């Protein structure tokens, strides 16, 4: 990495001198090397999750992380879900909300007419 011992010694003196600390201008933290200070300063520029304080380098990473905090709950029983579709499925299967097929009593959120045509063609003449 360093082609001469003088360059290595110069690097060690400038970057890793235990008697010299590198101070963060933002918060005053003392770092032992310029590279450690550089890494520390990057944290001040990162995007912080307002819910847990975790830091991210991009809005995309933060948005992906925020999904962990999103919770959807059933208004009937309070059960928690991480996906809105899971709540809909729960409402249909547990609380029997939605449309019910009059032939087989299966519950639907929509598209019952298509289901009846496909599964119960014998009643089409009555519709």
N, C-alpha and C. Protein backbone atom coordinates (compact mmCIF):
# COMPACT_ATOMS: atom_id res chain seq x y z
N UNK A 1 0.82 -1.18 0.00
CA UNK A 1 0.00 0.00 0.00
C UNK A 1 0.88 1.26 0.00
N UNK A 2 1.88 1.30 0.85
CA UNK A 2 2.83 2.40 0.86
C UNK A 2 4.14 1.89 0.28
N UNK A 3 4.68 2.61 -0.69
CA UNK A 3 5.87 2.10 -1.36
C UNK A 3 7.17 2.42 -0.63
N UNK A 4 7.12 3.26 0.39
CA UNK A 4 8.33 3.50 1.19
C UNK A 4 7.94 3.51 2.66
N UNK A 5 8.91 3.21 3.51
CA UNK A 5 8.63 3.22 4.95
C UNK A 5 8.39 4.65 5.44
N UNK A 6 8.98 5.63 4.76
CA UNK A 6 8.76 7.03 5.15
C UNK A 6 7.30 7.42 4.95
N UNK A 7 6.72 6.96 3.82
CA UNK A 7 5.32 7.28 3.57
C UNK A 7 4.41 6.59 4.59
N UNK A 8 4.76 5.37 4.96
CA UNK A 8 3.99 4.66 5.97
C UNK A 8 4.09 5.38 7.31
N UNK A 9 5.29 5.78 7.69
CA UNK A 9 5.48 6.49 8.96
C UNK A 9 4.73 7.83 8.96
N UNK A 10 4.76 8.51 7.84
CA UNK A 10 4.04 9.78 7.72
C UNK A 10 2.54 9.56 7.87
N UNK A 11 2.06 8.51 7.23
CA UNK A 11 0.64 8.17 7.33
C UNK A 11 0.28 7.83 8.79
N UNK A 12 1.09 7.02 9.43
CA UNK A 12 0.83 6.64 10.81
C UNK A 12 0.81 7.86 11.73
N UNK A 13 1.73 8.79 11.51
CA UNK A 13 1.82 10.00 12.34
C UNK A 13 0.61 10.89 12.11
N UNK A 14 0.21 11.03 10.85
CA UNK A 14 -0.89 11.94 10.53
C UNK A 14 -2.26 11.34 10.82
N UNK A 15 -2.39 10.05 10.64
CA UNK A 15 -3.72 9.43 10.74
C UNK A 15 -3.97 8.62 11.99
N UNK A 16 -2.93 8.11 12.63
CA UNK A 16 -3.13 7.19 13.76
C UNK A 16 -2.32 7.59 14.99
N UNK A 17 -2.10 8.84 15.17
CA UNK A 17 -1.32 9.33 16.30
C UNK A 17 -2.19 9.31 17.55
N UNK A 18 -1.83 8.50 18.55
CA UNK A 18 -2.65 8.43 19.77
C UNK A 18 -2.68 9.73 20.55
N UNK A 19 -1.70 10.57 20.33
CA UNK A 19 -1.67 11.86 21.04
C UNK A 19 -2.53 12.90 20.33
N UNK A 20 -2.89 12.61 19.11
CA UNK A 20 -3.70 13.55 18.34
C UNK A 20 -5.08 12.95 18.16
N UNK A 21 -6.11 13.72 18.46
CA UNK A 21 -7.45 13.23 18.22
C UNK A 21 -8.11 14.08 17.14
N UNK A 22 -9.01 13.49 16.46
CA UNK A 22 -9.71 14.15 15.38
C UNK A 22 -11.13 14.43 15.87
N UNK A 23 -11.47 15.71 15.97
CA UNK A 23 -12.74 16.12 16.56
C UNK A 23 -13.81 16.34 15.50
N UNK A 24 -14.99 15.88 15.81
CA UNK A 24 -16.15 16.11 14.94
C UNK A 24 -16.66 17.52 15.17
N UNK A 25 -16.80 18.28 14.10
CA UNK A 25 -17.29 19.66 14.20
C UNK A 25 -18.77 19.72 14.57
N UNK A 26 -19.49 18.66 14.32
CA UNK A 26 -20.93 18.65 14.58
C UNK A 26 -21.25 18.35 16.03
N UNK A 27 -20.62 17.31 16.60
CA UNK A 27 -20.98 16.89 17.95
C UNK A 27 -19.82 16.91 18.94
N UNK A 28 -18.59 17.13 18.45
CA UNK A 28 -17.45 17.20 19.35
C UNK A 28 -16.82 15.87 19.70
N UNK A 29 -17.28 14.79 19.12
CA UNK A 29 -16.70 13.48 19.42
C UNK A 29 -15.26 13.44 18.94
N UNK A 30 -14.38 12.85 19.76
CA UNK A 30 -12.97 12.69 19.40
C UNK A 30 -12.77 11.31 18.80
N UNK A 31 -12.17 11.28 17.63
CA UNK A 31 -11.88 10.02 16.94
C UNK A 31 -10.37 9.82 16.88
N UNK A 32 -9.93 8.58 16.87
CA UNK A 32 -8.51 8.27 16.90
C UNK A 32 -7.79 8.40 15.58
N UNK A 33 -8.53 8.51 14.48
CA UNK A 33 -7.88 8.64 13.18
C UNK A 33 -8.78 9.47 12.26
N UNK A 34 -8.18 9.97 11.21
CA UNK A 34 -8.96 10.76 10.26
C UNK A 34 -10.01 9.89 9.57
N UNK A 35 -9.66 8.62 9.31
CA UNK A 35 -10.63 7.74 8.66
C UNK A 35 -11.80 7.43 9.60
N UNK A 36 -11.52 7.28 10.90
CA UNK A 36 -12.59 7.05 11.87
C UNK A 36 -13.49 8.28 11.96
N UNK A 37 -12.88 9.46 11.92
CA UNK A 37 -13.66 10.70 11.93
C UNK A 37 -14.54 10.78 10.68
N UNK A 38 -13.96 10.43 9.53
CA UNK A 38 -14.71 10.46 8.28
C UNK A 38 -15.93 9.54 8.37
N UNK A 39 -15.74 8.33 8.89
CA UNK A 39 -16.85 7.38 9.05
C UNK A 39 -17.90 7.93 10.02
N UNK A 40 -17.43 8.57 11.10
CA UNK A 40 -18.34 9.13 12.08
C UNK A 40 -19.16 10.28 11.48
N UNK A 41 -18.52 11.14 10.74
CA UNK A 41 -19.20 12.30 10.14
C UNK A 41 -20.28 11.84 9.17
N UNK A 42 -20.06 10.72 8.49
CA UNK A 42 -21.06 10.20 7.57
C UNK A 42 -22.38 9.89 8.29
N UNK A 43 -22.30 9.52 9.56
CA UNK A 43 -23.52 9.23 10.33
C UNK A 43 -24.37 10.48 10.51
N UNK A 44 -23.72 11.64 10.61
CA UNK A 44 -24.48 12.88 10.75
C UNK A 44 -25.24 13.20 9.47
N UNK A 45 -24.74 12.73 8.35
CA UNK A 45 -25.37 13.01 7.06
C UNK A 45 -26.37 11.95 6.66
N UNK A 46 -26.44 10.87 7.42
CA UNK A 46 -27.36 9.79 7.05
C UNK A 46 -28.78 10.14 7.46
N UNK A 47 -29.70 9.37 6.95
CA UNK A 47 -31.12 9.58 7.20
C UNK A 47 -31.52 8.70 8.38
N UNK A 48 -32.17 9.29 9.36
CA UNK A 48 -32.49 8.59 10.60
C UNK A 48 -33.97 8.23 10.65
N UNK A 49 -34.25 7.01 11.05
CA UNK A 49 -35.63 6.57 11.24
C UNK A 49 -36.19 7.26 12.47
N UNK A 50 -37.29 7.97 12.32
CA UNK A 50 -37.87 8.72 13.44
C UNK A 50 -38.50 7.79 14.48
N UNK A 51 -38.72 6.54 14.13
CA UNK A 51 -39.37 5.62 15.06
C UNK A 51 -38.38 4.87 15.95
N UNK A 52 -37.16 4.59 15.43
CA UNK A 52 -36.23 3.79 16.23
C UNK A 52 -34.82 4.38 16.29
N UNK A 53 -34.53 5.42 15.50
CA UNK A 53 -33.22 6.06 15.54
C UNK A 53 -32.16 5.41 14.68
N UNK A 54 -32.48 4.35 13.98
CA UNK A 54 -31.50 3.67 13.13
C UNK A 54 -31.18 4.56 11.92
N UNK A 55 -29.90 4.53 11.49
CA UNK A 55 -29.44 5.39 10.41
C UNK A 55 -29.34 4.63 9.09
N UNK A 56 -29.65 5.34 8.01
CA UNK A 56 -29.59 4.77 6.67
C UNK A 56 -28.92 5.73 5.71
N UNK A 57 -28.31 5.17 4.67
CA UNK A 57 -27.58 5.98 3.70
C UNK A 57 -28.46 6.56 2.60
N UNK A 58 -29.67 6.05 2.44
CA UNK A 58 -30.53 6.55 1.38
C UNK A 58 -31.99 6.51 1.82
N UNK A 59 -32.81 7.31 1.15
CA UNK A 59 -34.25 7.30 1.43
C UNK A 59 -34.86 5.95 1.09
N UNK A 60 -34.32 5.31 0.06
CA UNK A 60 -34.83 4.00 -0.33
C UNK A 60 -34.63 2.98 0.79
N UNK A 61 -33.42 2.99 1.41
CA UNK A 61 -33.16 2.07 2.52
C UNK A 61 -34.09 2.37 3.70
N UNK A 62 -34.28 3.67 3.99
CA UNK A 62 -35.17 4.05 5.08
C UNK A 62 -36.60 3.61 4.80
N UNK A 63 -37.08 3.83 3.59
CA UNK A 63 -38.45 3.44 3.25
C UNK A 63 -38.66 1.93 3.38
N UNK A 64 -37.67 1.16 2.96
CA UNK A 64 -37.75 -0.30 3.10
C UNK A 64 -37.80 -0.69 4.58
N UNK A 65 -36.97 -0.02 5.38
CA UNK A 65 -36.93 -0.28 6.82
C UNK A 65 -38.25 0.09 7.50
N UNK A 66 -38.85 1.19 7.09
CA UNK A 66 -40.09 1.66 7.72
C UNK A 66 -41.21 0.64 7.62
N UNK A 67 -41.14 -0.22 6.62
CA UNK A 67 -42.16 -1.25 6.48
C UNK A 67 -42.22 -2.15 7.71
N UNK A 68 -41.07 -2.28 8.41
CA UNK A 68 -41.05 -3.09 9.63
C UNK A 68 -41.88 -2.46 10.74
N UNK A 69 -42.01 -1.13 10.69
CA UNK A 69 -42.76 -0.43 11.73
C UNK A 69 -44.25 -0.34 11.41
N UNK A 70 -44.60 -0.51 10.13
CA UNK A 70 -46.00 -0.39 9.75
C UNK A 70 -46.78 -1.58 10.28
N UNK A 71 -47.83 -1.29 10.93
CA UNK A 71 -48.68 -2.34 11.48
C UNK A 71 -50.12 -2.02 11.11
N UNK A 72 -50.86 -3.03 10.71
CA UNK A 72 -52.26 -2.89 10.40
C UNK A 72 -53.03 -3.75 11.39
N UNK A 73 -54.10 -3.21 11.93
CA UNK A 73 -54.84 -3.98 12.93
C UNK A 73 -56.28 -4.19 12.49
N UNK A 74 -56.83 -5.29 12.96
CA UNK A 74 -58.22 -5.63 12.72
C UNK A 74 -59.08 -4.74 13.61
N UNK A 75 -60.06 -4.06 13.03
CA UNK A 75 -60.93 -3.20 13.82
C UNK A 75 -61.89 -3.99 14.70
N UNK A 76 -62.09 -5.25 14.38
CA UNK A 76 -63.00 -6.09 15.15
C UNK A 76 -62.35 -6.66 16.40
N UNK A 77 -61.15 -7.23 16.24
CA UNK A 77 -60.53 -7.95 17.37
C UNK A 77 -59.17 -7.39 17.79
N UNK A 78 -58.60 -6.46 17.01
CA UNK A 78 -57.33 -5.86 17.37
C UNK A 78 -56.09 -6.63 16.96
N UNK A 79 -56.24 -7.77 16.30
CA UNK A 79 -55.08 -8.55 15.87
C UNK A 79 -54.23 -7.69 14.93
N UNK A 80 -52.90 -7.79 15.07
CA UNK A 80 -51.96 -6.96 14.31
C UNK A 80 -51.42 -7.73 13.11
N UNK A 81 -51.31 -7.03 11.97
CA UNK A 81 -50.77 -7.59 10.74
C UNK A 81 -49.76 -6.62 10.15
N UNK A 82 -48.82 -7.13 9.37
CA UNK A 82 -47.83 -6.25 8.73
C UNK A 82 -48.22 -5.88 7.31
N UNK A 83 -49.27 -6.48 6.80
CA UNK A 83 -49.70 -6.24 5.43
C UNK A 83 -51.21 -5.99 5.41
N UNK A 84 -51.62 -4.96 4.67
CA UNK A 84 -53.04 -4.60 4.60
C UNK A 84 -53.88 -5.75 4.02
N UNK A 85 -53.34 -6.46 3.05
CA UNK A 85 -54.07 -7.58 2.46
C UNK A 85 -54.32 -8.70 3.47
N UNK A 86 -53.39 -8.86 4.42
CA UNK A 86 -53.59 -9.87 5.46
C UNK A 86 -54.79 -9.51 6.34
N UNK A 87 -54.98 -8.22 6.58
CA UNK A 87 -56.14 -7.78 7.37
C UNK A 87 -57.42 -8.08 6.59
N UNK A 88 -57.41 -7.80 5.28
CA UNK A 88 -58.59 -8.08 4.46
C UNK A 88 -58.93 -9.57 4.48
N UNK A 89 -57.90 -10.41 4.32
CA UNK A 89 -58.12 -11.86 4.34
C UNK A 89 -58.66 -12.29 5.70
N UNK A 90 -58.10 -11.74 6.76
CA UNK A 90 -58.54 -12.04 8.11
C UNK A 90 -60.01 -11.65 8.29
N UNK A 91 -60.38 -10.47 7.81
CA UNK A 91 -61.76 -10.01 7.94
C UNK A 91 -62.73 -10.95 7.22
N UNK A 92 -62.30 -11.45 6.05
CA UNK A 92 -63.15 -12.35 5.28
C UNK A 92 -63.28 -13.72 5.93
N UNK A 93 -62.16 -14.25 6.41
CA UNK A 93 -62.19 -15.62 6.92
C UNK A 93 -62.61 -15.72 8.38
N UNK A 94 -62.25 -14.76 9.19
CA UNK A 94 -62.54 -14.84 10.63
C UNK A 94 -63.84 -14.13 10.99
N UNK A 95 -64.04 -12.95 10.44
CA UNK A 95 -65.20 -12.14 10.80
C UNK A 95 -66.31 -12.17 9.75
N UNK A 96 -66.10 -12.97 8.70
CA UNK A 96 -67.12 -13.19 7.67
C UNK A 96 -67.64 -11.91 7.03
N UNK A 97 -66.74 -10.95 6.79
CA UNK A 97 -67.15 -9.73 6.10
C UNK A 97 -66.94 -9.90 4.61
N UNK A 98 -67.80 -9.31 3.83
CA UNK A 98 -67.71 -9.41 2.39
C UNK A 98 -68.97 -10.07 1.84
N UNK A 99 -68.92 -10.51 0.62
CA UNK A 99 -70.05 -11.13 -0.05
C UNK A 99 -69.97 -12.64 0.14
N UNK A 100 -71.11 -13.26 0.35
CA UNK A 100 -71.16 -14.70 0.56
C UNK A 100 -71.86 -15.35 -0.63
N UNK A 101 -71.22 -16.39 -1.18
CA UNK A 101 -71.85 -17.15 -2.27
C UNK A 101 -73.06 -17.90 -1.69
N UNK A 102 -74.23 -17.67 -2.29
CA UNK A 102 -75.45 -18.30 -1.76
C UNK A 102 -75.50 -19.80 -2.01
N UNK A 103 -74.60 -20.29 -2.86
CA UNK A 103 -74.57 -21.73 -3.14
C UNK A 103 -73.69 -22.49 -2.15
N UNK A 104 -72.46 -21.98 -1.95
CA UNK A 104 -71.51 -22.75 -1.13
C UNK A 104 -71.08 -22.01 0.14
N UNK A 105 -71.58 -20.80 0.34
CA UNK A 105 -71.30 -19.99 1.54
C UNK A 105 -69.85 -19.51 1.66
N UNK A 106 -69.09 -19.54 0.55
CA UNK A 106 -67.73 -19.03 0.54
C UNK A 106 -67.79 -17.50 0.57
N UNK A 107 -66.83 -16.86 1.29
CA UNK A 107 -66.79 -15.41 1.42
C UNK A 107 -65.87 -14.78 0.38
N UNK A 108 -66.27 -13.59 -0.12
CA UNK A 108 -65.50 -12.88 -1.13
C UNK A 108 -65.45 -11.40 -0.79
N UNK A 109 -64.37 -10.76 -1.20
CA UNK A 109 -64.31 -9.30 -1.08
C UNK A 109 -64.90 -8.67 -2.33
N UNK A 110 -64.80 -9.36 -3.46
CA UNK A 110 -65.35 -8.86 -4.73
C UNK A 110 -65.34 -10.00 -5.73
N UNK A 111 -65.79 -9.74 -6.95
CA UNK A 111 -65.73 -10.71 -8.04
C UNK A 111 -66.53 -11.98 -7.79
N UNK A 112 -67.61 -11.89 -7.02
CA UNK A 112 -68.40 -13.09 -6.78
C UNK A 112 -69.08 -13.58 -8.05
N UNK A 113 -69.51 -12.67 -8.91
CA UNK A 113 -70.20 -13.09 -10.13
C UNK A 113 -69.31 -13.99 -10.98
N UNK A 114 -68.03 -13.63 -11.11
CA UNK A 114 -67.09 -14.45 -11.88
C UNK A 114 -66.92 -15.82 -11.22
N UNK A 115 -66.86 -15.85 -9.89
CA UNK A 115 -66.72 -17.10 -9.16
C UNK A 115 -67.94 -18.01 -9.41
N UNK A 116 -69.13 -17.43 -9.30
CA UNK A 116 -70.34 -18.23 -9.49
C UNK A 116 -70.38 -18.80 -10.90
N UNK A 117 -70.03 -18.01 -11.90
CA UNK A 117 -70.01 -18.50 -13.28
C UNK A 117 -69.03 -19.65 -13.45
N UNK A 118 -67.91 -19.57 -12.77
CA UNK A 118 -66.87 -20.60 -12.91
C UNK A 118 -67.17 -21.85 -12.09
N UNK A 119 -67.67 -21.70 -10.87
CA UNK A 119 -67.83 -22.83 -9.96
C UNK A 119 -69.25 -23.39 -9.90
N UNK A 120 -70.23 -22.60 -10.27
CA UNK A 120 -71.62 -23.03 -10.18
C UNK A 120 -72.36 -22.72 -11.49
N UNK A 121 -71.88 -23.24 -12.63
CA UNK A 121 -72.50 -22.89 -13.91
C UNK A 121 -73.96 -23.35 -14.01
N UNK A 122 -74.36 -24.30 -13.18
CA UNK A 122 -75.74 -24.82 -13.25
C UNK A 122 -76.78 -23.77 -12.89
N UNK A 123 -76.37 -22.71 -12.17
CA UNK A 123 -77.37 -21.71 -11.78
C UNK A 123 -77.41 -20.50 -12.70
N UNK A 124 -76.59 -20.48 -13.73
CA UNK A 124 -76.55 -19.33 -14.63
C UNK A 124 -77.93 -19.05 -15.24
N UNK A 125 -78.68 -20.05 -15.49
CA UNK A 125 -80.01 -19.83 -16.08
C UNK A 125 -80.96 -19.14 -15.10
N UNK A 126 -80.63 -19.17 -13.81
CA UNK A 126 -81.49 -18.53 -12.82
C UNK A 126 -81.10 -17.09 -12.54
N UNK A 127 -79.93 -16.67 -12.99
CA UNK A 127 -79.44 -15.31 -12.71
C UNK A 127 -79.98 -14.30 -13.69
